[in-house]
Amino acid sequence: MTFGSTTIAAIYKDRWQIEIFFKTIKQNLRIKTFVGTSPNALLIQIWTALIAVLILKYLKFRSLFQWSVSTLVAMLRYNLFTYRDLPVCVQRTGRWAWIDQPFEPPPVAMVQEQLSLNWN
């Protein structure tokens, strides 16, 4: 009861940021419940989710395309097993073409002829 109104408002604002973080985790990373019950398991899951959200925010920041976080997560899930030669994309354009131009098909990889095995 000794705190001022601005202090209470600042505490509530900080608490609300935590709520937004957990909402983002639940919506985008599809984490509905905690897997473990020990304090260590909870910390591991929270830190892993925090790292994943930070990577998503960095990709969103780095991209020229105007992504929302949920659309970016969906695109990454959809292209999880699509081959992208990331160093070549960065060397040619200085940017990440796979995230800046999401509707461009991936470049076709050069397939070398298979060598024959000589059975003499």
Protein backbone atom coordinates (compact mmCIF):
# COMPACT_ATOMS: atom_id res chain seq x y z
CA MET A 1 0.00 0.00 0.00
CA THR A 2 3.06 2.26 0.09
CA PHE A 3 3.75 2.22 -3.67
CA GLY A 4 2.72 5.15 -5.82
CA SER A 5 0.37 4.85 -8.79
CA THR A 6 3.18 5.16 -11.35
CA THR A 7 5.12 2.34 -9.66
CA ILE A 8 2.03 0.10 -9.70
CA ALA A 9 1.46 0.95 -13.38
CA ALA A 10 5.10 0.09 -14.23
CA ILE A 11 4.87 -3.24 -12.38
CA TYR A 12 1.64 -4.10 -14.20
CA LYS A 13 3.18 -3.13 -17.54
CA ASP A 14 6.19 -5.42 -16.92
CA ARG A 15 3.88 -8.24 -15.82
CA TRP A 16 1.82 -7.77 -18.97
CA GLN A 17 4.96 -8.22 -21.12
CA ILE A 18 5.45 -11.62 -19.46
CA GLU A 19 1.85 -12.53 -20.29
CA ILE A 20 2.40 -11.52 -23.93
CA PHE A 21 5.55 -13.68 -24.02
CA PHE A 22 3.65 -16.75 -22.79
CA LYS A 23 0.83 -16.03 -25.25
CA THR A 24 3.39 -15.91 -28.08
CA ILE A 25 4.89 -19.21 -26.93
CA LYS A 26 1.50 -20.90 -26.76
CA GLN A 27 0.31 -19.62 -30.13
CA ASN A 28 3.42 -19.89 -32.27
CA LEU A 29 5.42 -22.71 -30.74
CA ARG A 30 2.38 -24.82 -29.88
CA ILE A 31 3.41 -25.30 -26.27
CA LYS A 32 0.22 -25.78 -24.30
CA THR A 33 1.59 -27.31 -21.11
CA PHE A 34 4.95 -27.82 -19.51
CA VAL A 35 6.51 -31.22 -20.15
CA GLY A 36 8.32 -31.62 -16.84
CA THR A 37 7.34 -30.81 -13.30
CA SER A 38 10.72 -30.16 -11.69
CA PRO A 39 12.03 -26.61 -11.49
CA ASN A 40 14.94 -27.55 -13.78
CA ALA A 41 12.61 -28.98 -16.44
CA LEU A 42 10.49 -25.82 -16.37
CA LEU A 43 13.55 -23.61 -16.69
CA ILE A 44 14.89 -25.66 -19.62
CA GLN A 45 11.58 -25.42 -21.46
CA ILE A 46 11.24 -21.68 -20.80
CA TRP A 47 14.82 -20.97 -21.91
CA THR A 48 14.38 -23.10 -25.05
CA ALA A 49 11.18 -21.24 -25.92
CA LEU A 50 12.88 -17.91 -25.25
CA ILE A 51 15.74 -18.80 -27.60
CA ALA A 52 13.27 -19.91 -30.29
CA VAL A 53 11.28 -16.66 -29.98
CA LEU A 54 14.48 -14.60 -30.14
CA ILE A 55 15.57 -16.41 -33.31
CA LEU A 56 12.14 -15.79 -34.86
CA LYS A 57 12.27 -12.10 -33.90
CA TYR A 58 15.77 -11.82 -35.39
CA LEU A 59 14.65 -13.45 -38.64
CA LYS A 60 11.70 -11.07 -38.77
CA PHE A 61 14.02 -8.09 -38.15
CA ARG A 62 16.57 -9.27 -40.74
CA SER A 63 14.02 -9.93 -43.47
CA LEU A 64 13.00 -7.43 -46.13
CA PHE A 65 9.61 -9.12 -46.40
CA GLN A 66 7.08 -7.89 -43.84
CA TRP A 67 6.44 -11.07 -41.84
CA SER A 68 4.20 -11.53 -38.87
CA VAL A 69 5.65 -13.95 -36.35
CA SER A 70 2.89 -16.51 -36.86
CA THR A 71 3.27 -16.42 -40.67
CA LEU A 72 7.03 -16.77 -40.34
CA VAL A 73 6.61 -19.80 -38.09
CA ALA A 74 4.18 -21.35 -40.59
CA MET A 75 6.62 -20.73 -43.46
CA LEU A 76 9.48 -22.28 -41.52
CA ARG A 77 7.36 -25.34 -40.67
CA TYR A 78 6.28 -25.70 -44.29
CA ASN A 79 9.85 -25.46 -45.61
CA LEU A 80 11.52 -27.42 -42.85
CA PHE A 81 12.81 -30.10 -45.20
CA THR A 82 13.38 -27.89 -48.25
CA TYR A 83 17.02 -27.63 -49.22
CA ARG A 84 18.39 -24.09 -49.23
CA ASP A 85 22.07 -23.35 -49.78
CA LEU A 86 22.32 -20.52 -47.27
CA PRO A 87 25.98 -19.48 -47.83
CA VAL A 88 25.38 -19.14 -51.60
CA CYS A 89 22.29 -16.99 -51.04
CA VAL A 90 24.22 -14.66 -48.77
CA GLN A 91 27.30 -14.48 -51.02
CA ARG A 92 25.36 -13.64 -54.19
CA THR A 93 23.00 -11.04 -52.85
CA GLY A 94 24.31 -10.12 -49.43
CA ARG A 95 20.82 -10.99 -48.13
CA TRP A 96 18.94 -14.11 -47.24
CA ALA A 97 16.92 -14.79 -50.38
CA TRP A 98 15.02 -17.65 -48.74
CA ILE A 99 13.40 -15.30 -46.25
CA ASP A 100 13.36 -12.04 -48.25
CA GLN A 101 11.63 -13.60 -51.26
CA PRO A 102 9.48 -16.35 -49.77
CA PHE A 103 7.48 -17.12 -52.91
CA GLU A 104 10.49 -17.77 -55.13
CA PRO A 105 11.16 -21.49 -55.63
CA PRO A 106 14.49 -22.75 -54.31
CA PRO A 107 17.26 -22.96 -56.91
CA VAL A 108 17.67 -26.31 -58.59
CA ALA A 109 20.80 -28.03 -57.35
CA MET A 110 23.30 -29.16 -59.95
CA VAL A 111 23.18 -32.95 -60.08
CA GLN A 112 26.40 -34.60 -61.16
CA GLU A 113 26.29 -37.80 -63.11
CA GLN A 114 26.66 -40.90 -61.05
CA LEU A 115 29.97 -42.65 -61.47
CA SER A 116 29.97 -46.18 -62.74
CA LEU A 117 31.64 -48.95 -60.83
CA ASN A 118 34.08 -51.03 -62.86
CA TRP A 119 33.80 -54.73 -61.94
CA ASN A 120 36.92 -56.23 -63.57
